[in-house]
Amino acid sequence: MALKLLEGKRGIIFGALDENSIAWKVAEKAHEHGGKFVLSNAPIALRKGDIFMLGEKTGSEVISADITQVDELESLFQESISILGGKIDFILHSVGMSPNVRKGLHYTEIDYNYLNKTLDVSAISLHKVLHVAYKMDALNEWGSVLALSYIAAQRTYSTYSDMAQAKAMLESITRSFGYHYGKKRKVRVNTISQSPTITTAGTGVGGFKSFYAYAQCMSPLGNASSDECADYCVVMFSDLTRKVTMQNLFHDGGYSTMGISETLIKSCFTCQGECFDDIAEKEKVMGKKKPT
């Protein structure tokens, strides 16, 4: 590769579970672009074992850390700086989990202890990562921190449940901490709102196939793949985007600005009026059903 955007840069990548993970793809791309980094995930996630193969492939150390525990994050940063030989230049937060979604609880009946866990793991953990890095002065000037979000932070997706609140909080933390970190160390903090992507976490959300197909039909460029998201992350980690911060960046093939598409009308939209409560209105819009 002629152009290595991350040559000489050091990073920490949170959340690589298996080869379907966006974090996994980011690690591969960062390695291709000359970046050196540490891989980290929770102890329970490391039991799967795949991350160690990624570590071998990219020449990266794997460090177990619970991203919700400040003391473990402090140890992670200290060890990472020692292993990599200097302060950190980029961080990827690709962590999200909802016990309410896993348990299949309807949004109107969520367990509030589970909600607290969802917010802690999926959003507040970003604040903790930033807090520890800020306190330890662990990031170089013009460093870049990215977290992965989803459009459900702004729009209602009926089965996305409390993860919608988590993503909204994640984006808010990005704006708030992004200001303070920018003032102190010129560190950039952004979220990337990615298309529905076939990952272990994504496919666990109810109705994922419909999410994916609908977005594909709506987006003029089609859904962005995990590999394409990884390319975008590399650019955001690089010096080419030094003045981009506190933003929620949609990486979704144009989906976020669409209302309806010709593809959806012609090929995907199969409604026969099931949603109409008023029969007269239904017949006016859909036409009268021909007797059989």
Protein backbone atom coordinates (compact mmCIF):
# COMPACT_ATOMS: atom_id res chain seq x y z
CA MET A 1 0.00 0.00 0.00
CA ALA A 2 1.61 3.24 -1.20
CA LEU A 3 -0.24 5.58 1.18
CA LYS A 4 -0.09 4.59 4.84
CA LEU A 5 -2.32 7.03 6.68
CA LEU A 6 -1.52 5.73 10.17
CA GLU A 7 2.24 5.27 9.87
CA GLY A 8 3.82 6.02 13.24
CA LYS A 9 0.48 6.22 15.06
CA ARG A 10 -0.50 4.21 18.14
CA GLY A 11 -3.99 3.19 19.14
CA ILE A 12 -6.38 1.19 21.27
CA ILE A 13 -9.26 -0.68 19.64
CA PHE A 14 -12.14 -1.74 21.88
CA GLY A 15 -14.72 -4.34 20.90
CA ALA A 16 -13.28 -6.75 18.31
CA LEU A 17 -15.20 -9.98 18.94
CA ASP A 18 -14.94 -11.96 15.70
CA GLU A 19 -14.32 -11.39 12.00
CA ASN A 20 -17.84 -9.98 11.59
CA SER A 21 -17.13 -7.13 14.02
CA ILE A 22 -16.56 -3.64 12.66
CA ALA A 23 -13.76 -3.30 15.23
CA TRP A 24 -12.10 -6.36 13.68
CA LYS A 25 -12.21 -4.75 10.23
CA VAL A 26 -10.87 -1.48 11.64
CA ALA A 27 -7.95 -3.34 13.19
CA GLU A 28 -7.12 -4.97 9.87
CA LYS A 29 -7.29 -1.67 8.00
CA ALA A 30 -5.33 0.22 10.65
CA HIS A 31 -2.63 -2.44 10.41
CA GLU A 32 -2.55 -2.13 6.62
CA HIS A 33 -2.09 1.63 7.01
CA GLY A 34 0.89 1.24 9.32
CA GLY A 35 -0.84 1.79 12.66
CA LYS A 36 0.27 -0.01 15.82
CA PHE A 37 -2.35 -0.73 18.44
CA VAL A 38 -3.56 -2.77 21.37
CA LEU A 39 -6.77 -4.79 21.19
CA SER A 40 -9.05 -4.82 24.22
CA ASN A 41 -12.30 -6.45 25.19
CA ALA A 42 -14.07 -7.69 28.32
CA PRO A 43 -12.89 -10.95 29.91
CA ILE A 44 -16.13 -12.73 28.96
CA ALA A 45 -15.66 -11.69 25.30
CA LEU A 46 -12.07 -12.97 25.28
CA ARG A 47 -13.31 -16.48 26.07
CA LYS A 48 -14.46 -16.78 22.47
CA GLY A 49 -10.80 -16.65 21.55
CA ASP A 50 -11.04 -15.16 18.05
CA ILE A 51 -9.44 -11.86 19.09
CA PHE A 52 -6.13 -13.61 19.71
CA MET A 53 -6.02 -14.66 16.06
CA LEU A 54 -6.56 -11.02 15.12
CA GLY A 55 -3.73 -10.10 17.46
CA GLU A 56 -1.39 -12.52 15.72
CA LYS A 57 -2.46 -11.26 12.29
CA THR A 58 -1.84 -7.61 13.16
CA GLY A 59 1.08 -8.07 15.55
CA SER A 60 -1.00 -6.62 18.39
CA GLU A 61 -1.17 -7.36 22.08
CA VAL A 62 -4.56 -8.32 23.51
CA ILE A 63 -5.37 -6.84 26.92
CA SER A 64 -8.42 -7.86 28.93
CA ALA A 65 -10.30 -4.91 30.42
CA ASP A 66 -13.85 -4.20 31.54
CA ILE A 67 -14.57 -0.91 29.80
CA THR A 68 -17.02 0.07 32.58
CA GLN A 69 -14.34 -0.09 35.30
CA VAL A 70 -12.16 2.99 35.67
CA ASP A 71 -9.33 1.17 37.46
CA GLU A 72 -9.10 -1.40 34.66
CA LEU A 73 -9.04 1.37 32.06
CA GLU A 74 -6.22 3.10 33.94
CA SER A 75 -4.21 -0.14 33.87
CA LEU A 76 -5.06 -0.61 30.19
CA PHE A 77 -3.76 2.83 29.23
CA GLN A 78 -0.60 2.43 31.29
CA GLU A 79 0.14 -0.96 29.76
CA SER A 80 -0.74 0.17 26.22
CA ILE A 81 1.57 3.18 26.40
CA SER A 82 4.36 0.91 27.64
CA ILE A 83 3.80 -1.71 24.92
CA LEU A 84 3.43 0.79 22.08
CA GLY A 85 6.29 3.01 23.21
CA GLY A 86 4.44 6.27 23.61
CA LYS A 87 1.16 8.11 23.99
CA ILE A 88 -1.97 7.11 22.08
CA ASP A 89 -3.06 8.70 18.78
CA PHE A 90 -6.38 6.94 18.11
CA ILE A 91 -9.09 5.05 19.96
CA LEU A 92 -12.06 3.10 18.63
CA HIS A 93 -15.05 2.54 20.94
CA SER A 94 -17.04 -0.25 19.32
CA VAL A 95 -18.92 -1.54 22.34
CA GLY A 96 -22.65 -1.99 22.83
CA MET A 97 -24.87 -4.38 24.71
CA SER A 98 -28.46 -4.42 25.98
CA PRO A 99 -29.70 -7.08 28.41
CA ASN A 100 -33.24 -5.93 27.62
CA VAL A 101 -32.72 -6.74 23.93
CA ARG A 102 -31.02 -10.02 24.75
CA LYS A 103 -33.89 -11.03 27.01
CA GLY A 104 -36.45 -10.02 24.40
CA LEU A 105 -38.22 -7.60 26.73
CA HIS A 106 -40.67 -5.23 25.07
CA TYR A 107 -39.64 -1.57 25.27
CA THR A 108 -42.67 -0.68 27.41
CA GLU A 109 -41.71 -3.39 29.90
CA ILE A 110 -37.93 -3.02 30.12
CA ASP A 111 -36.08 -3.88 33.30
CA TYR A 112 -34.56 -0.69 34.72
CA ASN A 113 -31.55 -2.44 36.19
CA TYR A 114 -30.92 -3.80 32.70
CA LEU A 115 -31.36 -0.28 31.32
CA ASN A 116 -28.65 1.00 33.65
CA LYS A 117 -26.38 -1.77 32.40
CA THR A 118 -27.17 -0.89 28.77
CA LEU A 119 -26.26 2.76 29.34
CA ASP A 120 -23.13 1.94 31.32
CA VAL A 121 -21.70 -0.50 28.77
CA SER A 122 -22.86 1.18 25.58
CA ALA A 123 -22.49 4.89 26.37
CA ILE A 124 -21.13 5.88 29.79
CA SER A 125 -18.12 3.66 29.08
CA LEU A 126 -17.07 6.19 26.42
CA HIS A 127 -17.08 8.93 29.07
CA LYS A 128 -14.95 6.69 31.30
CA VAL A 129 -12.45 6.03 28.50
CA LEU A 130 -12.20 9.74 27.75
CA HIS A 131 -12.03 10.64 31.44
CA VAL A 132 -9.13 8.26 32.08
CA ALA A 133 -7.25 9.37 28.96
CA TYR A 134 -7.83 13.04 29.85
CA LYS A 135 -6.72 12.60 33.46
CA MET A 136 -3.63 10.59 32.50
CA ASP A 137 -2.80 12.86 29.55
CA ALA A 138 -2.59 9.61 27.58
CA LEU A 139 -3.41 11.00 24.10
CA ASN A 140 -1.14 12.99 21.83
CA GLU A 141 -2.24 16.33 20.43
CA TRP A 142 -4.53 15.93 17.41
CA GLY A 143 -5.44 12.45 18.58
CA SER A 144 -8.74 10.99 17.37
CA VAL A 145 -11.41 9.11 19.30
CA LEU A 146 -14.27 7.42 17.44
CA ALA A 147 -17.38 5.66 18.73
CA LEU A 148 -19.86 3.75 16.61
CA SER A 149 -23.48 4.90 16.68
CA TYR A 150 -26.73 4.27 14.80
CA ILE A 151 -29.52 6.45 13.43
CA ALA A 152 -31.89 5.13 16.12
CA ALA A 153 -30.36 7.87 18.29
CA GLN A 154 -32.48 10.33 16.26
CA ARG A 155 -35.23 8.17 14.75
CA THR A 156 -37.59 5.61 16.25
CA TYR A 157 -36.83 1.97 15.46
CA SER A 158 -39.45 0.03 17.35
CA THR A 159 -37.33 -3.02 18.20
CA TYR A 160 -34.05 -1.20 18.91
CA SER A 161 -35.31 -0.72 22.46
CA ASP A 162 -33.08 0.98 25.05
CA MET A 163 -30.10 0.88 22.72
CA ALA A 164 -31.65 3.99 21.15
CA GLN A 165 -31.20 5.85 24.44
CA ALA A 166 -27.65 4.50 24.71
CA LYS A 167 -26.71 5.77 21.25
CA ALA A 168 -28.26 9.17 21.96
CA MET A 169 -26.22 9.41 25.15
CA LEU A 170 -23.11 8.25 23.31
CA GLU A 171 -23.48 11.09 20.80
CA SER A 172 -24.11 13.62 23.57
CA ILE A 173 -20.98 12.56 25.44
CA THR A 174 -19.05 12.94 22.19
CA ARG A 175 -20.15 16.55 21.85
CA SER A 176 -19.62 17.47 25.49
CA PHE A 177 -16.28 15.77 26.07
CA GLY A 178 -15.16 16.68 22.57
CA TYR A 179 -15.27 20.35 23.54
CA HIS A 180 -13.14 19.92 26.67
CA TYR A 181 -10.62 17.57 25.06
CA GLY A 182 -10.32 19.82 22.04
CA LYS A 183 -9.54 22.81 24.24
CA LYS A 184 -7.01 20.93 26.33
CA ARG A 185 -5.14 18.78 23.81
CA LYS A 186 -6.71 19.37 20.38
CA VAL A 187 -8.07 15.83 20.58
CA ARG A 188 -10.94 15.07 18.21
CA VAL A 189 -13.98 13.09 19.39
CA ASN A 190 -16.62 11.91 16.90
CA THR A 191 -19.24 9.25 16.35
CA ILE A 192 -19.90 7.40 13.11
CA SER A 193 -23.54 6.50 12.50
CA GLN A 194 -23.16 3.35 10.42
CA SER A 195 -25.61 1.54 8.13
CA PRO A 196 -27.23 -1.62 9.46
CA THR A 197 -24.30 -4.02 9.38
CA ILE A 198 -24.18 -7.80 9.62
CA THR A 199 -22.37 -8.18 12.93
CA THR A 200 -22.94 -10.46 15.91
CA ALA A 201 -24.43 -7.57 17.89
CA GLY A 202 -26.45 -6.10 15.01
CA THR A 203 -28.16 -9.31 14.00
CA GLY A 204 -29.30 -9.79 17.60
CA VAL A 205 -31.75 -6.88 17.28
CA GLY A 206 -35.30 -7.94 16.46
CA GLY A 207 -36.25 -7.32 12.84
CA PHE A 208 -32.64 -6.84 11.72
CA LYS A 209 -33.29 -8.36 8.27
CA SER A 210 -36.03 -5.78 7.71
CA PHE A 211 -33.77 -2.96 8.96
CA TYR A 212 -31.09 -4.04 6.52
CA ALA A 213 -33.33 -4.58 3.50
CA TYR A 214 -35.24 -1.34 4.05
CA ALA A 215 -32.04 0.71 4.35
CA GLN A 216 -30.63 -0.98 1.26
CA CYS A 217 -33.72 -0.04 -0.75
CA MET A 218 -33.71 3.52 0.57
CA SER A 219 -30.02 4.36 0.18
CA PRO A 220 -28.94 5.66 -3.24
CA LEU A 221 -25.48 4.18 -2.65
CA GLY A 222 -26.68 1.11 -0.77
CA ASN A 223 -25.71 0.12 2.75
CA ALA A 224 -22.13 0.77 3.82
CA SER A 225 -20.29 -2.45 4.61
CA SER A 226 -18.09 -3.08 7.64
CA ASP A 227 -15.00 -2.89 5.41
CA GLU A 228 -16.12 0.50 4.11
CA CYS A 229 -16.77 1.69 7.65
CA ALA A 230 -13.25 0.61 8.57
CA ASP A 231 -11.88 2.69 5.68
CA TYR A 232 -13.79 5.71 7.01
CA CYS A 233 -12.45 5.12 10.52
CA VAL A 234 -8.87 5.07 9.21
CA VAL A 235 -9.44 8.43 7.50
CA MET A 236 -10.91 9.83 10.72
CA PHE A 237 -7.89 8.57 12.69
CA SER A 238 -5.51 10.18 10.20
CA ASP A 239 -4.17 13.72 9.97
CA LEU A 240 -6.45 14.37 6.99
CA THR A 241 -9.38 15.14 9.32
CA ARG A 242 -7.69 17.26 11.96
CA LYS A 243 -10.46 19.84 12.20
CA VAL A 244 -13.41 17.42 12.40
CA THR A 245 -14.67 17.03 15.94
CA MET A 246 -17.85 16.77 18.05
CA GLN A 247 -19.72 15.43 15.02
CA ASN A 248 -22.08 12.54 14.40
CA LEU A 249 -21.01 11.45 10.92
CA PHE A 250 -23.51 9.44 8.91
CA HIS A 251 -21.88 6.64 6.94
CA ASP A 252 -24.96 5.05 5.43
CA GLY A 253 -25.06 5.48 1.66
CA GLY A 254 -27.38 8.48 1.95
CA TYR A 255 -30.07 6.69 3.97
CA SER A 256 -30.24 9.33 6.72
CA THR A 257 -31.47 12.07 4.36
CA MET A 258 -33.96 9.97 2.40
CA GLY A 259 -37.76 10.02 2.65
CA ILE A 260 -38.74 7.35 0.13
CA SER A 261 -37.01 5.92 -2.93
CA GLU A 262 -38.08 4.64 -6.33
CA THR A 263 -36.59 1.27 -5.47
CA LEU A 264 -38.71 1.07 -2.35
CA ILE A 265 -41.86 2.07 -4.24
CA LYS A 266 -41.33 -0.30 -7.16
CA SER A 267 -39.68 -3.32 -5.63
CA CYS A 268 -39.83 -3.41 -1.84
CA PHE A 269 -43.07 -1.74 -0.84
CA THR A 270 -45.66 -4.48 -0.60
CA CYS A 271 -48.20 -2.90 1.72
CA GLN A 272 -51.77 -3.89 0.90
CA GLY A 273 -53.33 -1.49 3.39
CA GLU A 274 -52.93 -3.60 6.50
CA CYS A 275 -52.10 -0.49 8.56
CA PHE A 276 -55.33 1.39 7.72
CA ASP A 277 -57.94 1.58 10.48
CA ASP A 278 -60.44 3.50 8.35
CA ILE A 279 -61.86 1.21 5.64
CA ALA A 280 -63.06 4.13 3.53
CA GLU A 281 -59.63 5.72 3.60
CA LYS A 282 -58.02 2.40 2.77
CA GLU A 283 -60.23 1.93 -0.29
CA LYS A 284 -59.63 5.51 -1.38
CA VAL A 285 -55.85 5.11 -1.23
CA MET A 286 -55.39 1.46 -2.13
CA GLY A 287 -58.46 0.93 -4.26
CA LYS A 288 -61.29 -1.48 -3.65
CA LYS A 289 -60.36 -5.11 -3.47
CA LYS A 290 -61.75 -7.02 -6.41
CA PRO A 291 -64.18 -9.77 -5.42
CA THR A 292 -62.86 -13.27 -5.96
